[in-house]
PDB file of all heavy atoms in Angstrom:
ATOM      1  N   CYS A   1      37.025  -3.615  59.881  1.00  0.00           N
ATOM      2  CA  CYS A   1      37.846  -3.076  60.959  1.00  0.00           C
ATOM      3  C   CYS A   1      39.306  -3.473  60.743  1.00  0.00           C
ATOM      4  O   CYS A   1      39.596  -4.593  60.308  1.00  0.00           O
ATOM      5  CB  CYS A   1      37.355  -3.599  62.310  1.00  0.00           C
ATOM      6  SG  CYS A   1      38.236  -2.892  63.737  1.00  0.00           S
ATOM      7  N   PHE A   2      40.199  -2.557  61.071  1.00  0.00           N
ATOM      8  CA  PHE A   2      41.625  -2.855  60.916  1.00  0.00           C
ATOM      9  C   PHE A   2      42.120  -3.804  62.001  1.00  0.00           C
ATOM     10  O   PHE A   2      43.165  -4.438  61.850  1.00  0.00           O
ATOM     11  CB  PHE A   2      42.450  -1.562  60.939  1.00  0.00           C
ATOM     12  CG  PHE A   2      42.573  -0.941  62.303  1.00  0.00           C
ATOM     13  CD1 PHE A   2      43.641  -1.250  63.134  1.00  0.00           C
ATOM     14  CD2 PHE A   2      41.613  -0.047  62.769  1.00  0.00           C
ATOM     15  CE1 PHE A   2      43.756  -0.684  64.397  1.00  0.00           C
ATOM     16  CE2 PHE A   2      41.722   0.520  64.020  1.00  0.00           C
ATOM     17  CZ  PHE A   2      42.792   0.206  64.847  1.00  0.00           C
ATOM     18  N   GLN A   3      41.358  -3.949  63.116  1.00  0.00           N
ATOM     19  CA  GLN A   3      41.784  -4.831  64.190  1.00  0.00           C
ATOM     20  C   GLN A   3      41.478  -6.287  63.827  1.00  0.00           C
ATOM     21  O   GLN A   3      40.409  -6.583  63.289  1.00  0.00           O
ATOM     22  CB  GLN A   3      41.075  -4.461  65.500  1.00  0.00           C
ATOM     23  CG  GLN A   3      41.357  -3.049  65.954  1.00  0.00           C
ATOM     24  CD  GLN A   3      40.814  -2.789  67.340  1.00  0.00           C
ATOM     25  OE1 GLN A   3      41.475  -3.033  68.339  1.00  0.00           O
ATOM     26  NE2 GLN A   3      39.585  -2.297  67.394  1.00  0.00           N
ATOM     27  N   LYS A   4      42.381  -7.162  64.155  1.00  0.00           N
ATOM     28  CA  LYS A   4      42.223  -8.561  63.817  1.00  0.00           C
ATOM     29  C   LYS A   4      41.977  -9.370  65.087  1.00  0.00           C
ATOM     30  O   LYS A   4      42.848  -9.491  65.942  1.00  0.00           O
ATOM     31  CB  LYS A   4      43.475  -9.086  63.096  1.00  0.00           C
ATOM     32  CG  LYS A   4      43.833  -8.297  61.846  1.00  0.00           C
ATOM     33  CD  LYS A   4      42.685  -8.239  60.850  1.00  0.00           C
ATOM     34  CE  LYS A   4      43.052  -7.397  59.632  1.00  0.00           C
ATOM     35  NZ  LYS A   4      41.891  -7.232  58.707  1.00  0.00           N
ATOM     36  N   ASP A   5      40.768  -9.884  65.197  1.00  0.00           N
ATOM     37  CA  ASP A   5      40.397 -10.709  66.344  1.00  0.00           C
ATOM     38  C   ASP A   5      39.256 -11.617  65.919  1.00  0.00           C
ATOM     39  O   ASP A   5      39.195 -12.012  64.753  1.00  0.00           O
ATOM     40  CB  ASP A   5      40.048  -9.841  67.560  1.00  0.00           C
ATOM     41  CG  ASP A   5      38.995  -8.772  67.251  1.00  0.00           C
ATOM     42  OD1 ASP A   5      38.314  -8.901  66.218  1.00  0.00           O
ATOM     43  OD2 ASP A   5      38.860  -7.823  68.033  1.00  0.00           O
ATOM     44  N   ASP A   6      38.317 -11.925  66.836  1.00  0.00           N
ATOM     45  CA  ASP A   6      37.281 -12.914  66.525  1.00  0.00           C
ATOM     46  C   ASP A   6      35.941 -12.323  66.106  1.00  0.00           C
ATOM     47  O   ASP A   6      34.951 -13.055  66.004  1.00  0.00           O
ATOM     48  CB  ASP A   6      37.057 -13.821  67.744  1.00  0.00           C
ATOM     49  CG  ASP A   6      38.232 -14.749  68.009  1.00  0.00           C
ATOM     50  OD1 ASP A   6      38.997 -15.020  67.065  1.00  0.00           O
ATOM     51  OD2 ASP A   6      38.374 -15.203  69.157  1.00  0.00           O
ATOM     52  N   VAL A   7      35.872 -11.021  65.873  1.00  0.00           N
ATOM     53  CA  VAL A   7      34.587 -10.421  65.502  1.00  0.00           C
ATOM     54  C   VAL A   7      34.050 -11.030  64.202  1.00  0.00           C
ATOM     55  O   VAL A   7      32.871 -11.401  64.119  1.00  0.00           O
ATOM     56  CB  VAL A   7      34.704  -8.889  65.378  1.00  0.00           C
ATOM     57  CG1 VAL A   7      33.428  -8.306  64.764  1.00  0.00           C
ATOM     58  CG2 VAL A   7      34.941  -8.271  66.748  1.00  0.00           C
ATOM     59  N   VAL A   8      34.884 -11.128  63.200  1.00  0.00           N
ATOM     60  CA  VAL A   8      34.436 -11.700  61.915  1.00  0.00           C
ATOM     61  C   VAL A   8      33.999 -13.148  62.113  1.00  0.00           C
ATOM     62  O   VAL A   8      32.991 -13.588  61.528  1.00  0.00           O
ATOM     63  CB  VAL A   8      35.552 -11.594  60.856  1.00  0.00           C
ATOM     64  CG1 VAL A   8      35.179 -12.379  59.602  1.00  0.00           C
ATOM     65  CG2 VAL A   8      35.820 -10.133  60.511  1.00  0.00           C
ATOM     66  N   LYS A   9      34.711 -13.890  62.926  1.00  0.00           N
ATOM     67  CA  LYS A   9      34.347 -15.285  63.213  1.00  0.00           C
ATOM     68  C   LYS A   9      32.953 -15.375  63.805  1.00  0.00           C
ATOM     69  O   LYS A   9      32.138 -16.218  63.396  1.00  0.00           O
ATOM     70  CB  LYS A   9      35.373 -15.884  64.173  1.00  0.00           C
ATOM     71  CG  LYS A   9      35.108 -17.323  64.570  1.00  0.00           C
ATOM     72  CD  LYS A   9      36.188 -17.811  65.538  1.00  0.00           C
ATOM     73  CE  LYS A   9      35.921 -19.225  66.035  1.00  0.00           C
ATOM     74  NZ  LYS A   9      36.970 -19.667  66.991  1.00  0.00           N
ATOM     75  N   LEU A  10      32.634 -14.493  64.762  1.00  0.00           N
ATOM     76  CA  LEU A  10      31.305 -14.500  65.365  1.00  0.00           C
ATOM     77  C   LEU A  10      30.249 -14.024  64.372  1.00  0.00           C
ATOM     78  O   LEU A  10      29.151 -14.593  64.295  1.00  0.00           O
ATOM     79  CB  LEU A  10      31.297 -13.629  66.623  1.00  0.00           C
ATOM     80  CG  LEU A  10      29.971 -13.528  67.394  1.00  0.00           C
ATOM     81  CD1 LEU A  10      29.383 -14.904  67.674  1.00  0.00           C
ATOM     82  CD2 LEU A  10      30.177 -12.759  68.699  1.00  0.00           C
ATOM     83  N   MET A  11      30.571 -13.032  63.576  1.00  0.00           N
ATOM     84  CA  MET A  11      29.605 -12.545  62.596  1.00  0.00           C
ATOM     85  C   MET A  11      29.331 -13.581  61.502  1.00  0.00           C
ATOM     86  O   MET A  11      28.244 -13.597  60.922  1.00  0.00           O
ATOM     87  CB  MET A  11      30.102 -11.243  61.982  1.00  0.00           C
ATOM     88  CG  MET A  11      30.026 -10.065  62.942  1.00  0.00           C
ATOM     89  SD  MET A  11      28.350  -9.785  63.588  1.00  0.00           S
ATOM     90  CE  MET A  11      27.562  -9.065  62.160  1.00  0.00           C
ATOM     91  N   GLU A  12      30.284 -14.434  61.244  1.00  0.00           N
ATOM     92  CA  GLU A  12      30.027 -15.533  60.303  1.00  0.00           C
ATOM     93  C   GLU A  12      28.973 -16.489  60.852  1.00  0.00           C
ATOM     94  O   GLU A  12      28.181 -17.057  60.089  1.00  0.00           O
ATOM     95  CB  GLU A  12      31.335 -16.281  60.010  1.00  0.00           C
ATOM     96  CG  GLU A  12      32.275 -15.508  59.096  1.00  0.00           C
ATOM     97  CD  GLU A  12      33.626 -16.186  58.937  1.00  0.00           C
ATOM     98  OE1 GLU A  12      33.906 -17.160  59.692  1.00  0.00           O
ATOM     99  OE2 GLU A  12      34.411 -15.748  58.068  1.00  0.00           O
ATOM    100  N   ILE A  13      28.946 -16.658  62.164  1.00  0.00           N
ATOM    101  CA  ILE A  13      27.913 -17.505  62.776  1.00  0.00           C
ATOM    102  C   ILE A  13      26.563 -16.794  62.709  1.00  0.00           C
ATOM    103  O   ILE A  13      25.526 -17.421  62.453  1.00  0.00           O
ATOM    104  CB  ILE A  13      28.280 -17.861  64.228  1.00  0.00           C
ATOM    105  CG1 ILE A  13      29.644 -18.546  64.278  1.00  0.00           C
ATOM    106  CG2 ILE A  13      27.222 -18.789  64.835  1.00  0.00           C
ATOM    107  CD1 ILE A  13      30.150 -18.819  65.690  1.00  0.00           C
ATOM    108  N   TYR A  14      26.549 -15.476  62.920  1.00  0.00           N
ATOM    109  CA  TYR A  14      25.314 -14.704  62.738  1.00  0.00           C
ATOM    110  C   TYR A  14      24.811 -14.869  61.300  1.00  0.00           C
ATOM    111  O   TYR A  14      23.609 -15.024  61.065  1.00  0.00           O
ATOM    112  CB  TYR A  14      25.562 -13.222  63.020  1.00  0.00           C
ATOM    113  CG  TYR A  14      25.355 -12.800  64.456  1.00  0.00           C
ATOM    114  CD1 TYR A  14      26.222 -13.204  65.460  1.00  0.00           C
ATOM    115  CD2 TYR A  14      24.278 -11.986  64.815  1.00  0.00           C
ATOM    116  CE1 TYR A  14      26.044 -12.802  66.773  1.00  0.00           C
ATOM    117  CE2 TYR A  14      24.079 -11.581  66.126  1.00  0.00           C
ATOM    118  CZ  TYR A  14      24.970 -11.994  67.102  1.00  0.00           C
ATOM    119  OH  TYR A  14      24.778 -11.602  68.411  1.00  0.00           O
ATOM    120  N   ASP A  15      25.721 -14.816  60.352  1.00  0.00           N
ATOM    121  CA  ASP A  15      25.326 -14.925  58.950  1.00  0.00           C
ATOM    122  C   ASP A  15      24.805 -16.316  58.629  1.00  0.00           C
ATOM    123  O   ASP A  15      23.927 -16.480  57.777  1.00  0.00           O
ATOM    124  CB  ASP A  15      26.523 -14.588  58.063  1.00  0.00           C
ATOM    125  CG  ASP A  15      26.113 -14.165  56.667  1.00  0.00           C
ATOM    126  OD1 ASP A  15      25.075 -13.490  56.525  1.00  0.00           O
ATOM    127  OD2 ASP A  15      26.838 -14.496  55.707  1.00  0.00           O
ATOM    128  N   TRP A  16      25.336 -17.323  59.315  1.00  0.00           N
ATOM    129  CA  TRP A  16      24.897 -18.712  59.124  1.00  0.00           C
ATOM    130  C   TRP A  16      23.454 -18.911  59.582  1.00  0.00           C
ATOM    131  O   TRP A  16      22.689 -19.662  58.965  1.00  0.00           O
ATOM    132  CB  TRP A  16      25.827 -19.631  59.921  1.00  0.00           C
ATOM    133  CG  TRP A  16      25.317 -21.023  60.132  1.00  0.00           C
ATOM    134  CD1 TRP A  16      25.464 -22.093  59.300  1.00  0.00           C
ATOM    135  CD2 TRP A  16      24.584 -21.503  61.275  1.00  0.00           C
ATOM    136  NE1 TRP A  16      24.866 -23.206  59.851  1.00  0.00           N
ATOM    137  CE2 TRP A  16      24.320 -22.866  61.058  1.00  0.00           C
ATOM    138  CE3 TRP A  16      24.142 -20.900  62.471  1.00  0.00           C
ATOM    139  CZ2 TRP A  16      23.611 -23.641  61.981  1.00  0.00           C
ATOM    140  CZ3 TRP A  16      23.444 -21.664  63.379  1.00  0.00           C
ATOM    141  CH2 TRP A  16      23.190 -23.029  63.137  1.00  0.00           C
ATOM    142  N   ALA A  17      23.065 -18.205  60.630  1.00  0.00           N
ATOM    143  CA  ALA A  17      21.777 -18.468  61.280  1.00  0.00           C
ATOM    144  C   ALA A  17      20.601 -17.822  60.553  1.00  0.00           C
ATOM    145  O   ALA A  17      20.720 -16.745  59.969  1.00  0.00           O
ATOM    146  CB  ALA A  17      21.819 -17.964  62.720  1.00  0.00           C
ATOM    147  N   ASP A  18      19.461 -18.506  60.613  1.00  0.00           N
ATOM    148  CA  ASP A  18      18.198 -17.922  60.164  1.00  0.00           C
ATOM    149  C   ASP A  18      17.550 -17.119  61.289  1.00  0.00           C
ATOM    150  O   ASP A  18      16.901 -16.103  61.044  1.00  0.00           O
ATOM    151  CB  ASP A  18      17.226 -19.022  59.722  1.00  0.00           C
ATOM    152  CG  ASP A  18      17.771 -19.854  58.577  1.00  0.00           C
ATOM    153  OD1 ASP A  18      18.215 -19.260  57.575  1.00  0.00           O
ATOM    154  OD2 ASP A  18      17.758 -21.099  58.685  1.00  0.00           O
ATOM    155  N   LYS A  19      17.725 -17.621  62.516  1.00  0.00           N
ATOM    156  CA  LYS A  19      17.155 -16.965  63.694  1.00  0.00           C
ATOM    157  C   LYS A  19      18.251 -16.820  64.753  1.00  0.00           C
ATOM    158  O   LYS A  19      19.064 -17.723  64.939  1.00  0.00           O
ATOM    159  CB  LYS A  19      15.991 -17.774  64.263  1.00  0.00           C
ATOM    160  CG  LYS A  19      14.803 -17.905  63.317  1.00  0.00           C
ATOM    161  CD  LYS A  19      13.662 -18.696  63.958  1.00  0.00           C
ATOM    162  CE  LYS A  19      12.461 -18.771  63.009  1.00  0.00           C
ATOM    163  NZ  LYS A  19      11.304 -19.480  63.624  1.00  0.00           N
ATOM    164  N   ILE A  20      18.249 -15.676  65.430  1.00  0.00           N
ATOM    165  CA  ILE A  20      19.210 -15.413  66.494  1.00  0.00           C
ATOM    166  C   ILE A  20      18.449 -15.166  67.784  1.00  0.00           C
ATOM    167  O   ILE A  20      17.513 -14.353  67.806  1.00  0.00           O
ATOM    168  CB  ILE A  20      20.101 -14.198  66.167  1.00  0.00           C
ATOM    169  CG1 ILE A  20      20.972 -14.484  64.943  1.00  0.00           C
ATOM    170  CG2 ILE A  20      20.986 -13.831  67.361  1.00  0.00           C
ATOM    171  CD1 ILE A  20      20.508 -13.840  63.676  1.00  0.00           C
ATOM    172  N   VAL A  21      18.840 -15.873  68.845  1.00  0.00           N
ATOM    173  CA  VAL A  21      18.240 -15.675  70.160  1.00  0.00           C
ATOM    174  C   VAL A  21      19.341 -15.164  71.083  1.00  0.00           C
ATOM    175  O   VAL A  21      20.308 -15.870  71.366  1.00  0.00           O
ATOM    176  CB  VAL A  21      17.643 -16.981  70.729  1.00  0.00           C
ATOM    177  CG1 VAL A  21      16.942 -16.706  72.060  1.00  0.00           C
ATOM    178  CG2 VAL A  21      16.688 -17.629  69.730  1.00  0.00           C
ATOM    179  N   SER A  22      19.211 -13.929  71.537  1.00  0.00           N
ATOM    180  CA  SER A  22      20.187 -13.328  72.450  1.00  0.00           C
ATOM    181  C   SER A  22      19.647 -13.427  73.873  1.00  0.00           C
ATOM    182  O   SER A  22      18.531 -12.985  74.146  1.00  0.00           O
ATOM    183  CB  SER A  22      20.415 -11.858  72.096  1.00  0.00           C
ATOM    184  OG  SER A  22      20.867 -11.712  70.774  1.00  0.00           O
ATOM    185  N   VAL A  23      20.458 -14.001  74.765  1.00  0.00           N
ATOM    186  CA  VAL A  23      20.054 -14.154  76.169  1.00  0.00           C
ATOM    187  C   VAL A  23      20.999 -13.308  77.013  1.00  0.00           C
ATOM    188  O   VAL A  23      22.207 -13.549  77.037  1.00  0.00           O
ATOM    189  CB  VAL A  23      20.107 -15.627  76.617  1.00  0.00           C
ATOM    190  CG1 VAL A  23      19.531 -15.762  78.029  1.00  0.00           C
ATOM    191  CG2 VAL A  23      19.332 -16.514  75.636  1.00  0.00           C
ATOM    192  N   SER A  24      20.448 -12.290  77.675  1.00  0.00           N
ATOM    193  CA  SER A  24      21.301 -11.337  78.376  1.00  0.00           C
ATOM    194  C   SER A  24      20.836 -11.090  79.805  1.00  0.00           C
ATOM    195  O   SER A  24      19.651 -10.834  80.044  1.00  0.00           O
ATOM    196  CB  SER A  24      21.332  -9.998  77.631  1.00  0.00           C
ATOM    197  OG  SER A  24      22.068  -9.035  78.357  1.00  0.00           O
ATOM    198  N   PRO A  25      21.781 -11.092  80.755  1.00  0.00           N
ATOM    199  CA  PRO A  25      21.467 -10.655  82.110  1.00  0.00           C
ATOM    200  C   PRO A  25      21.584  -9.141  82.202  1.00  0.00           C
ATOM    201  O   PRO A  25      22.039  -8.482  81.252  1.00  0.00           O
ATOM    202  CB  PRO A  25      22.561 -11.332  82.944  1.00  0.00           C
ATOM    203  CG  PRO A  25      23.744 -11.315  82.030  1.00  0.00           C
ATOM    204  CD  PRO A  25      23.186 -11.522  80.636  1.00  0.00           C
ATOM    205  N   SER A  26      21.207  -8.602  83.340  1.00  0.00           N
ATOM    206  CA  SER A  26      21.356  -7.175  83.595  1.00  0.00           C
ATOM    207  C   SER A  26      22.670  -6.914  84.313  1.00  0.00           C
ATOM    208  O   SER A  26      22.923  -7.454  85.388  1.00  0.00           O
ATOM    209  CB  SER A  26      20.191  -6.671  84.461  1.00  0.00           C
ATOM    210  OG  SER A  26      20.442  -5.354  84.891  1.00  0.00           O
ATOM    211  N   TYR A  27      23.496  -6.083  83.706  1.00  0.00           N
ATOM    212  CA  TYR A  27      24.698  -5.566  84.367  1.00  0.00           C
ATOM    213  C   TYR A  27      24.477  -4.065  84.537  1.00  0.00           C
ATOM    214  O   TYR A  27      24.571  -3.318  83.572  1.00  0.00           O
ATOM    215  CB  TYR A  27      25.944  -5.832  83.517  1.00  0.00           C
ATOM    216  CG  TYR A  27      26.517  -7.233  83.610  1.00  0.00           C
ATOM    217  CD1 TYR A  27      25.720  -8.338  83.950  1.00  0.00           C
ATOM    218  CD2 TYR A  27      27.853  -7.474  83.344  1.00  0.00           C
ATOM    219  CE1 TYR A  27      26.253  -9.606  84.023  1.00  0.00           C
ATOM    220  CE2 TYR A  27      28.393  -8.752  83.419  1.00  0.00           C
ATOM    221  CZ  TYR A  27      27.581  -9.821  83.764  1.00  0.00           C
ATOM    222  OH  TYR A  27      28.105 -11.087  83.828  1.00  0.00           O
ATOM    223  N   TRP A  28      24.144  -3.648  85.730  1.00  0.00           N
ATOM    224  CA  TRP A  28      23.834  -2.241  85.982  1.00  0.00           C
ATOM    225  C   TRP A  28      22.774  -1.727  85.009  1.00  0.00           C
ATOM    226  O   TRP A  28      22.927  -0.703  84.356  1.00  0.00           O
ATOM    227  CB  TRP A  28      25.098  -1.381  85.937  1.00  0.00           C
ATOM    228  CG  TRP A  28      25.957  -1.560  87.150  1.00  0.00           C
ATOM    229  CD1 TRP A  28      26.981  -2.455  87.328  1.00  0.00           C
ATOM    230  CD2 TRP A  28      25.826  -0.871  88.398  1.00  0.00           C
ATOM    231  NE1 TRP A  28      27.507  -2.362  88.587  1.00  0.00           N
ATOM    232  CE2 TRP A  28      26.816  -1.387  89.276  1.00  0.00           C
ATOM    233  CE3 TRP A  28      24.978   0.139  88.870  1.00  0.00           C
ATOM    234  CZ2 TRP A  28      26.983  -0.935  90.583  1.00  0.00           C
ATOM    235  CZ3 TRP A  28      25.152   0.596  90.165  1.00  0.00           C
ATOM    236  CH2 TRP A  28      26.131   0.063  91.008  1.00  0.00           C
ATOM    237  N   ALA A  29      21.699  -2.499  84.923  1.00  0.00           N
ATOM    238  CA  ALA A  29      20.500  -2.102  84.161  1.00  0.00           C
ATOM    239  C   ALA A  29      20.716  -2.054  82.656  1.00  0.00           C
ATOM    240  O   ALA A  29      19.975  -1.375  81.940  1.00  0.00           O
ATOM    241  CB  ALA A  29      19.938  -0.763  84.656  1.00  0.00           C
ATOM    242  N   ASP A  30      21.689  -2.799  82.151  1.00  0.00           N
ATOM    243  CA  ASP A  30      21.875  -2.864  80.704  1.00  0.00           C
ATOM    244  C   ASP A  30      22.628  -4.146  80.358  1.00  0.00           C
ATOM    245  O   ASP A  30      22.892  -4.973  81.227  1.00  0.00           O
ATOM    246  CB  ASP A  30      22.623  -1.624  80.198  1.00  0.00           C
ATOM    247  CG  ASP A  30      22.160  -1.203  78.803  1.00  0.00           C
ATOM    248  OD1 ASP A  30      21.878  -2.101  77.972  1.00  0.00           O
ATOM    249  OD2 ASP A  30      22.084   0.010  78.548  1.00  0.00           O
ATOM    250  N   ILE A  31      22.976  -4.291  79.101  1.00  0.00           N
ATOM    251  CA  ILE A  31      23.682  -5.494  78.646  1.00  0.00           C
ATOM    252  C   ILE A  31      25.091  -5.539  79.241  1.00  0.00           C
ATOM    253  O   ILE A  31      25.658  -4.500  79.592  1.00  0.00           O
ATOM    254  CB  ILE A  31      23.763  -5.531  77.109  1.00  0.00           C
ATOM    255  CG1 ILE A  31      24.427  -4.257  76.557  1.00  0.00           C
ATOM    256  CG2 ILE A  31      22.378  -5.728  76.507  1.00  0.00           C
ATOM    257  CD1 ILE A  31      24.615  -4.238  75.068  1.00  0.00           C
ATOM    258  N   PRO A  32      25.683  -6.729  79.371  1.00  0.00           N
ATOM    259  CA  PRO A  32      27.053  -6.840  79.863  1.00  0.00           C
ATOM    260  C   PRO A  32      28.050  -6.089  78.981  1.00  0.00           C
ATOM    261  O   PRO A  32      27.872  -5.986  77.759  1.00  0.00           O
ATOM    262  CB  PRO A  32      27.328  -8.348  79.834  1.00  0.00           C
ATOM    263  CG  PRO A  32      25.979  -8.972  79.948  1.00  0.00           C
ATOM    264  CD  PRO A  32      25.064  -8.062  79.171  1.00  0.00           C
ATOM    265  N   GLY A  33      29.111  -5.576  79.608  1.00  0.00           N
ATOM    266  CA  GLY A  33      30.107  -4.807  78.871  1.00  0.00           C
ATOM    267  C   GLY A  33      30.740  -5.578  77.732  1.00  0.00           C
ATOM    268  O   GLY A  33      31.016  -5.019  76.663  1.00  0.00           O
ATOM    269  N   GLN A  34      30.956  -6.889  77.935  1.00  0.00           N
ATOM    270  CA  GLN A  34      31.583  -7.694  76.885  1.00  0.00           C
ATOM    271  C   GLN A  34      30.731  -7.726  75.628  1.00  0.00           C
ATOM    272  O   GLN A  34      31.247  -7.687  74.500  1.00  0.00           O
ATOM    273  CB  GLN A  34      31.836  -9.114  77.396  1.00  0.00           C
ATOM    274  CG  GLN A  34      32.898  -9.212  78.470  1.00  0.00           C
ATOM    275  CD  GLN A  34      32.339  -8.974  79.870  1.00  0.00           C
ATOM    276  OE1 GLN A  34      31.236  -8.462  80.054  1.00  0.00           O
ATOM    277  NE2 GLN A  34      33.113  -9.359  80.870  1.00  0.00           N
ATOM    278  N   PHE A  35      29.405  -7.802  75.814  1.00  0.00           N
ATOM    279  CA  PHE A  35      28.525  -7.827  74.649  1.00  0.00           C
ATOM    280  C   PHE A  35      28.440  -6.440  74.011  1.00  0.00           C
ATOM    281  O   PHE A  35      28.348  -6.316  72.789  1.00  0.00           O
ATOM    282  CB  PHE A  35      27.137  -8.339  75.035  1.00  0.00           C
ATOM    283  CG  PHE A  35      26.285  -8.696  73.857  1.00  0.00           C
ATOM    284  CD1 PHE A  35      26.624  -9.773  73.049  1.00  0.00           C
ATOM    285  CD2 PHE A  35      25.150  -7.965  73.538  1.00  0.00           C
ATOM    286  CE1 PHE A  35      25.846 -10.115  71.943  1.00  0.00           C
ATOM    287  CE2 PHE A  35      24.368  -8.296  72.445  1.00  0.00           C
ATOM    288  CZ  PHE A  35      24.714  -9.366  71.640  1.00  0.00           C
ATOM    289  N   LYS A  36      28.486  -5.392  74.833  1.00  0.00           N
ATOM    290  CA  LYS A  36      28.487  -4.026  74.286  1.00  0.00           C
ATOM    291  C   LYS A  36      29.729  -3.784  73.447  1.00  0.00           C
ATOM    292  O   LYS A  36      29.662  -3.120  72.395  1.00  0.00           O
ATOM    293  CB  LYS A  36      28.415  -3.011  75.432  1.00  0.00           C
ATOM    294  CG  LYS A  36      28.450  -1.546  74.967  1.00  0.00           C
ATOM    295  CD  LYS A  36      27.296  -1.214  74.033  1.00  0.00           C
ATOM    296  CE  LYS A  36      27.124   0.286  73.831  1.00  0.00           C
ATOM    297  NZ  LYS A  36      28.245   0.936  73.138  1.00  0.00           N
ATOM    298  N   VAL A  37      30.886  -4.304  73.874  1.00  0.00           N
ATOM    299  CA  VAL A  37      32.112  -4.170  73.086  1.00  0.00           C
ATOM    300  C   VAL A  37      31.922  -4.829  71.719  1.00  0.00           C
ATOM    301  O   VAL A  37      32.327  -4.284  70.688  1.00  0.00           O
ATOM    302  CB  VAL A  37      33.313  -4.774  73.838  1.00  0.00           C
ATOM    303  CG1 VAL A  37      34.528  -4.888  72.924  1.00  0.00           C
ATOM    304  CG2 VAL A  37      33.661  -3.928  75.061  1.00  0.00           C
ATOM    305  N   PHE A  38      31.285  -6.006  71.710  1.00  0.00           N
ATOM    306  CA  PHE A  38      31.010  -6.695  70.438  1.00  0.00           C
ATOM    307  C   PHE A  38      30.104  -5.846  69.552  1.00  0.00           C
ATOM    308  O   PHE A  38      30.373  -5.683  68.347  1.00  0.00           O
ATOM    309  CB  PHE A  38      30.373  -8.050  70.707  1.00  0.00           C
ATOM    310  CG  PHE A  38      29.752  -8.695  69.499  1.00  0.00           C
ATOM    311  CD1 PHE A  38      30.524  -9.029  68.399  1.00  0.00           C
ATOM    312  CD2 PHE A  38      28.386  -8.960  69.464  1.00  0.00           C
ATOM    313  CE1 PHE A  38      29.948  -9.612  67.272  1.00  0.00           C
ATOM    314  CE2 PHE A  38      27.811  -9.550  68.351  1.00  0.00           C
ATOM    315  CZ  PHE A  38      28.589  -9.869  67.245  1.00  0.00           C
ATOM    316  N   ILE A  39      29.050  -5.277  70.125  1.00  0.00           N
ATOM    317  CA  ILE A  39      28.140  -4.439  69.339  1.00  0.00           C
ATOM    318  C   ILE A  39      28.908  -3.257  68.733  1.00  0.00           C
ATOM    319  O   ILE A  39      28.751  -2.936  67.547  1.00  0.00           O
ATOM    320  CB  ILE A  39      26.962  -3.952  70.204  1.00  0.00           C
ATOM    321  CG1 ILE A  39      26.033  -5.118  70.541  1.00  0.00           C
ATOM    322  CG2 ILE A  39      26.180  -2.848  69.482  1.00  0.00           C
ATOM    323  CD1 ILE A  39      24.889  -4.759  71.471  1.00  0.00           C
ATOM    324  N   ASP A  40      29.741  -2.606  69.544  1.00  0.00           N
ATOM    325  CA  ASP A  40      30.525  -1.482  69.031  1.00  0.00           C
ATOM    326  C   ASP A  40      31.384  -1.895  67.843  1.00  0.00           C
ATOM    327  O   ASP A  40      31.534  -1.144  66.874  1.00  0.00           O
ATOM    328  CB  ASP A  40      31.421  -0.915  70.130  1.00  0.00           C
ATOM    329  CG  ASP A  40      30.651  -0.195  71.220  1.00  0.00           C
ATOM    330  OD1 ASP A  40      29.475   0.139  70.996  1.00  0.00           O
ATOM    331  OD2 ASP A  40      31.229   0.029  72.309  1.00  0.00           O
ATOM    332  N   ARG A  41      31.935  -3.100  67.915  1.00  0.00           N
ATOM    333  CA  ARG A  41      32.816  -3.589  66.859  1.00  0.00           C
ATOM    334  C   ARG A  41      32.048  -4.053  65.608  1.00  0.00           C
ATOM    335  O   ARG A  41      32.668  -4.374  64.593  1.00  0.00           O
ATOM    336  CB  ARG A  41      33.695  -4.706  67.407  1.00  0.00           C
ATOM    337  CG  ARG A  41      34.788  -4.209  68.364  1.00  0.00           C
ATOM    338  CD  ARG A  41      35.862  -3.414  67.636  1.00  0.00           C
ATOM    339  NE  ARG A  41      36.336  -4.135  66.479  1.00  0.00           N
ATOM    340  CZ  ARG A  41      37.125  -5.225  66.534  1.00  0.00           C
ATOM    341  NH1 ARG A  41      37.551  -5.671  67.711  1.00  0.00           N
ATOM    342  NH2 ARG A  41      37.487  -5.833  65.437  1.00  0.00           N
ATOM    343  N   CYS A  42      30.734  -4.064  65.709  1.00  0.00           N
ATOM    344  CA  CYS A  42      29.922  -4.429  64.534  1.00  0.00           C
ATOM    345  C   CYS A  42      29.607  -3.215  63.661  1.00  0.00           C
ATOM    346  O   CYS A  42      28.817  -3.327  62.710  1.00  0.00           O
ATOM    347  CB  CYS A  42      28.626  -5.103  64.977  1.00  0.00           C
ATOM    348  SG  CYS A  42      28.861  -6.789  65.567  1.00  0.00           S
ATOM    349  N   THR A  43      30.252  -2.087  63.937  1.00  0.00           N
ATOM    350  CA  THR A  43      30.019  -0.891  63.136  1.00  0.00           C
ATOM    351  C   THR A  43      30.254  -1.115  61.639  1.00  0.00           C
ATOM    352  O   THR A  43      29.539  -0.529  60.814  1.00  0.00           O
ATOM    353  CB  THR A  43      30.880   0.275  63.665  1.00  0.00           C
ATOM    354  OG1 THR A  43      30.563   0.479  65.047  1.00  0.00           O
ATOM    355  CG2 THR A  43      30.604   1.555  62.905  1.00  0.00           C
ATOM    356  N   PRO A  44      31.198  -1.969  61.216  1.00  0.00           N
ATOM    357  CA  PRO A  44      31.332  -2.213  59.771  1.00  0.00           C
ATOM    358  C   PRO A  44      30.061  -2.767  59.127  1.00  0.00           C
ATOM    359  O   PRO A  44      29.865  -2.604  57.914  1.00  0.00           O
ATOM    360  CB  PRO A  44      32.479  -3.232  59.691  1.00  0.00           C
ATOM    361  CG  PRO A  44      33.314  -2.946  60.892  1.00  0.00           C
ATOM    362  CD  PRO A  44      32.313  -2.597  61.971  1.00  0.00           C
ATOM    363  N   TRP A  45      29.188  -3.407  59.927  1.00  0.00           N
ATOM    364  CA  TRP A  45      27.943  -3.974  59.400  1.00  0.00           C
ATOM    365  C   TRP A  45      26.740  -3.047  59.604  1.00  0.00           C
ATOM    366  O   TRP A  45      25.639  -3.382  59.196  1.00  0.00           O
ATOM    367  CB  TRP A  45      27.652  -5.323  60.076  1.00  0.00           C
ATOM    368  CG  TRP A  45      28.557  -6.431  59.659  1.00  0.00           C
ATOM    369  CD1 TRP A  45      28.335  -7.366  58.681  1.00  0.00           C
ATOM    370  CD2 TRP A  45      29.847  -6.745  60.212  1.00  0.00           C
ATOM    371  NE1 TRP A  45      29.399  -8.236  58.596  1.00  0.00           N
ATOM    372  CE2 TRP A  45      30.353  -7.881  59.520  1.00  0.00           C
ATOM    373  CE3 TRP A  45      30.631  -6.202  61.232  1.00  0.00           C
ATOM    374  CZ2 TRP A  45      31.578  -8.467  59.810  1.00  0.00           C
ATOM    375  CZ3 TRP A  45      31.860  -6.766  61.518  1.00  0.00           C
ATOM    376  CH2 TRP A  45      32.332  -7.883  60.815  1.00  0.00           C
TER     377      TRP A  45
END
């Protein structure tokens, strides 16, 4: 991505892990918007 922020930093932690446990509440019957923004920004992967 041409945008420079913390997405790569977080994805480096994903890459470090053998197992990932995602804990999510319901925001209007789906994942929180902040996490959805992160998922959208993972399009390079």
